[in-house]
Amino acid sequence: RRDKDGKWEGVMKTKDGTEVTFPTAPFMGTMGVAAATTDKVHSVPPGLHGGNMDINDLGVGTTVYFPVLVKGANFYTGDPHMVQGDGEVALTALEHSLRPTFRITLLKKGDADIPSSSGSLSRPMGETPDHWVTIGLNPDLDEAMKDAVRESIRFLTEVLGMDRATAFAYLSAASDFQVSQVVDGTKGVHGMIRKSDFINVTNKQR
């Protein structure tokens, strides 16, 4: 419903009918490109092509990078949420009909805007106004965490000029790793690397 300021809010009730309200933050739970296979691809578990990643930080005003795995890429989206907590522990969150607008940009291999020294990516990566978002996906939550850390180290060493040991220490001291979701077969963990920590580095790169 709308609150007194005209903003959307979620509403639930306790046993005695007392309202519990919480702010909304719309995002699309599913964003991806076609996988490089001729087999049918299940719509629930996410993968290196993206898909049902359920990362609530990737909402309005953010960028998601996807590797192009087949000709034409075939971007798709769905599973709109009005709000979702990290983990999405009850399988669904506050699902809601949304009509999003996307700007699709093709970055050809070697483009300086691709967050990689190799000029390409092998998995999705996100970017918000304040963070770079690295993504780990695996049926095992521990392995998903490892994937997210490895991807974070790759980004810090390739793009921001850290050595591996310093990158590892930085991630432990200053970055948050959040459980995106645990309900889609493939578990998700995403790392949040603050842009403001690297203002001196990015200023030198300009």
Protein backbone atom coordinates (compact mmCIF):
# COMPACT_ATOMS: atom_id res chain seq x y z
CA ARG A 1 0.00 0.00 0.00
CA ARG A 2 0.98 3.67 -0.16
CA ASP A 3 2.24 5.36 3.01
CA LYS A 4 1.44 8.93 4.07
CA ASP A 5 4.22 10.24 1.78
CA GLY A 6 2.89 8.35 -1.21
CA LYS A 7 5.63 5.71 -1.17
CA TRP A 8 4.91 1.99 -1.35
CA GLU A 9 5.33 -0.03 1.82
CA GLY A 10 4.84 -3.67 2.73
CA VAL A 11 2.29 -4.57 5.38
CA MET A 12 1.96 -7.69 7.53
CA LYS A 13 0.11 -8.27 10.80
CA THR A 14 0.79 -9.91 14.13
CA LYS A 15 -1.65 -12.42 15.63
CA ASP A 16 -3.68 -9.65 17.26
CA GLY A 17 -3.89 -7.66 14.04
CA THR A 18 -1.20 -5.08 14.79
CA GLU A 19 0.38 -3.86 11.58
CA VAL A 20 4.06 -4.38 10.79
CA THR A 21 5.24 -2.14 7.96
CA PHE A 22 8.50 -2.15 6.02
CA PRO A 23 9.94 -0.12 3.12
CA THR A 24 9.99 -1.45 -0.44
CA ALA A 25 12.90 -1.60 -2.90
CA PRO A 26 11.74 -2.93 -6.29
CA PHE A 27 14.02 -5.11 -8.41
CA MET A 28 13.83 -7.88 -10.97
CA GLY A 29 14.75 -11.25 -9.48
CA THR A 30 15.54 -12.77 -12.87
CA MET A 31 17.90 -11.17 -15.37
CA GLY A 32 20.05 -13.13 -17.75
CA VAL A 33 21.14 -14.13 -21.22
CA ALA A 34 20.74 -17.39 -23.13
CA ALA A 35 22.96 -20.23 -21.93
CA ALA A 36 25.33 -21.88 -24.39
CA THR A 37 23.40 -25.14 -24.71
CA THR A 38 20.81 -26.78 -26.93
CA ASP A 39 19.21 -28.43 -23.90
CA LYS A 40 16.20 -27.00 -22.12
CA VAL A 41 17.31 -24.62 -19.36
CA HIS A 42 15.38 -24.73 -16.09
CA SER A 43 14.09 -21.29 -15.10
CA VAL A 44 14.71 -21.67 -11.34
CA PRO A 45 18.44 -22.18 -10.63
CA PRO A 46 20.70 -19.32 -11.76
CA GLY A 47 24.00 -19.93 -13.52
CA LEU A 48 26.88 -18.29 -15.34
CA HIS A 49 24.29 -16.91 -17.75
CA GLY A 50 22.54 -15.10 -14.88
CA GLY A 51 18.88 -15.97 -14.58
CA ASN A 52 17.08 -16.23 -11.24
CA MET A 53 19.86 -14.61 -9.19
CA ASP A 54 17.52 -12.77 -6.75
CA ILE A 55 20.08 -10.09 -5.81
CA ASN A 56 18.10 -7.34 -4.16
CA ASP A 57 20.92 -4.79 -4.55
CA LEU A 58 20.50 -4.80 -8.35
CA GLY A 59 17.51 -2.48 -8.57
CA VAL A 60 16.83 0.92 -10.11
CA GLY A 61 19.93 2.73 -11.34
CA THR A 62 22.27 -0.27 -11.33
CA THR A 63 24.26 -2.04 -14.04
CA VAL A 64 24.59 -5.78 -14.58
CA TYR A 65 27.29 -7.21 -16.85
CA PHE A 66 26.60 -10.54 -18.55
CA PRO A 67 28.91 -12.63 -20.73
CA VAL A 68 27.47 -13.08 -24.22
CA LEU A 69 27.27 -16.86 -24.60
CA VAL A 70 25.27 -17.18 -27.83
CA LYS A 71 24.75 -14.99 -30.88
CA GLY A 72 22.38 -12.17 -30.05
CA ALA A 73 22.77 -12.73 -26.27
CA ASN A 74 18.94 -12.97 -25.88
CA PHE A 75 18.57 -10.98 -22.67
CA TYR A 76 15.49 -11.82 -20.62
CA THR A 77 14.00 -10.74 -17.31
CA GLY A 78 11.15 -11.56 -14.95
CA ASP A 79 10.31 -12.48 -11.34
CA PRO A 80 9.61 -8.92 -10.15
CA HIS A 81 9.87 -8.18 -6.44
CA MET A 82 8.61 -5.16 -4.57
CA VAL A 83 11.09 -6.08 -1.81
CA GLN A 84 13.13 -9.09 -0.70
CA GLY A 85 15.42 -9.80 2.23
CA ASP A 86 18.81 -11.41 1.70
CA GLY A 87 18.34 -15.17 1.62
CA GLU A 88 14.68 -15.11 0.51
CA VAL A 89 14.22 -17.86 3.08
CA ALA A 90 10.51 -18.57 2.45
CA LEU A 91 11.00 -19.19 -1.32
CA THR A 92 9.09 -16.05 -2.28
CA ALA A 93 9.36 -12.49 -0.98
CA LEU A 94 6.94 -9.64 -1.74
CA GLU A 95 6.23 -10.48 -5.37
CA HIS A 96 4.59 -7.73 -7.39
CA SER A 97 3.76 -6.84 -10.98
CA LEU A 98 6.34 -4.36 -12.30
CA ARG A 99 7.03 -2.74 -15.64
CA PRO A 100 10.76 -2.06 -15.70
CA THR A 101 12.77 -0.19 -18.31
CA PHE A 102 16.23 -1.43 -19.33
CA ARG A 103 18.99 0.09 -21.43
CA ILE A 104 20.93 -2.66 -23.21
CA THR A 105 24.54 -1.87 -24.17
CA LEU A 106 26.78 -4.29 -26.07
CA LEU A 107 30.38 -4.11 -24.89
CA LYS A 108 32.58 -5.91 -27.37
CA LYS A 109 35.58 -7.90 -26.15
CA GLY A 110 38.33 -5.56 -25.04
CA ASP A 111 36.06 -2.62 -24.28
CA ALA A 112 37.53 -0.57 -21.42
CA ASP A 113 34.16 -0.55 -19.65
CA ILE A 114 34.26 -4.32 -19.11
CA PRO A 115 35.43 -4.92 -15.50
CA SER A 116 38.18 -7.34 -16.51
CA SER A 117 41.78 -7.16 -17.71
CA SER A 118 41.12 -9.94 -20.22
CA GLY A 119 38.48 -7.85 -21.97
CA SER A 120 35.69 -10.33 -21.26
CA LEU A 121 33.74 -11.88 -18.38
CA SER A 122 32.85 -15.50 -17.70
CA ARG A 123 30.06 -14.77 -15.19
CA PRO A 124 27.66 -11.96 -14.28
CA MET A 125 28.79 -8.97 -12.25
CA GLY A 126 26.83 -6.03 -10.86
CA GLU A 127 27.48 -2.37 -10.20
CA THR A 128 25.48 0.07 -8.10
CA PRO A 129 26.21 3.78 -7.62
CA ASP A 130 28.15 2.88 -4.43
CA HIS A 131 29.41 -0.70 -4.88
CA TRP A 132 30.83 -3.23 -7.29
CA VAL A 133 28.89 -6.48 -6.82
CA THR A 134 30.66 -9.80 -7.37
CA ILE A 135 28.55 -12.92 -7.70
CA GLY A 136 29.11 -16.50 -6.57
CA LEU A 137 26.72 -19.30 -7.57
CA ASN A 138 26.86 -22.96 -6.56
CA PRO A 139 24.51 -25.65 -5.22
CA ASP A 140 26.74 -25.69 -2.12
CA LEU A 141 26.59 -22.46 -0.08
CA ASP A 142 30.23 -22.79 1.00
CA GLU A 143 31.30 -23.11 -2.64
CA ALA A 144 29.13 -20.15 -3.63
CA MET A 145 30.97 -18.11 -1.00
CA LYS A 146 34.30 -19.24 -2.40
CA ASP A 147 33.17 -18.31 -5.91
CA ALA A 148 32.21 -14.81 -4.75
CA VAL A 149 35.55 -14.32 -2.98
CA ARG A 150 37.52 -15.57 -5.98
CA GLU A 151 35.58 -13.27 -8.29
CA SER A 152 36.20 -10.37 -5.90
CA ILE A 153 39.94 -11.08 -5.87
CA ARG A 154 39.93 -11.29 -9.66
CA PHE A 155 38.27 -7.89 -9.91
CA LEU A 156 40.51 -6.23 -7.31
CA THR A 157 43.69 -7.52 -8.93
CA GLU A 158 42.73 -7.07 -12.58
CA VAL A 159 40.88 -3.76 -12.41
CA LEU A 160 41.94 -1.98 -9.22
CA GLY A 161 45.62 -2.91 -9.07
CA MET A 162 45.87 -4.88 -5.83
CA ASP A 163 48.05 -7.94 -5.39
CA ARG A 164 46.21 -11.11 -4.41
CA ALA A 165 47.30 -11.18 -0.76
CA THR A 166 46.30 -7.55 -0.20
CA ALA A 167 43.00 -8.11 -2.00
CA PHE A 168 42.21 -11.08 0.22
CA ALA A 169 43.05 -9.08 3.35
CA TYR A 170 40.97 -6.12 2.14
CA LEU A 171 37.92 -8.31 1.51
CA SER A 172 38.13 -9.74 5.02
CA ALA A 173 38.54 -6.33 6.63
CA ALA A 174 36.26 -4.10 4.59
CA SER A 175 33.79 -5.94 2.34
CA ASP A 176 30.47 -7.59 3.09
CA PHE A 177 29.45 -10.91 1.55
CA GLN A 178 25.70 -11.39 1.55
CA VAL A 179 23.61 -14.50 0.94
CA SER A 180 21.49 -13.55 -2.06
CA GLN A 181 19.16 -16.52 -1.85
CA VAL A 182 19.15 -20.15 -0.71
CA VAL A 183 15.88 -21.33 -2.25
CA ASP A 184 16.60 -21.77 -5.98
CA GLY A 185 18.66 -24.96 -5.94
CA THR A 186 21.79 -23.02 -6.80
CA LYS A 187 22.75 -20.87 -3.80
CA GLY A 188 23.87 -17.27 -4.28
CA VAL A 189 26.42 -15.14 -2.45
CA HIS A 190 27.38 -11.65 -3.56
CA GLY A 191 30.25 -9.45 -2.44
CA MET A 192 29.81 -5.70 -1.93
CA ILE A 193 33.00 -3.75 -2.69
CA ARG A 194 32.69 -0.07 -1.77
CA LYS A 195 33.67 2.34 -4.54
CA SER A 196 34.52 5.09 -2.05
CA ASP A 197 37.42 2.98 -0.69
CA PHE A 198 39.10 3.17 -4.11
CA ILE A 199 38.55 6.83 -4.96
CA ASN A 200 42.31 7.45 -5.20
CA VAL A 201 42.72 4.48 -7.55
CA THR A 202 39.84 5.38 -9.86
CA ASN A 203 40.91 9.05 -9.96
CA LYS A 204 44.37 7.96 -11.20
CA GLN A 205 42.79 5.73 -13.85
CA ARG A 206 40.82 8.60 -15.39
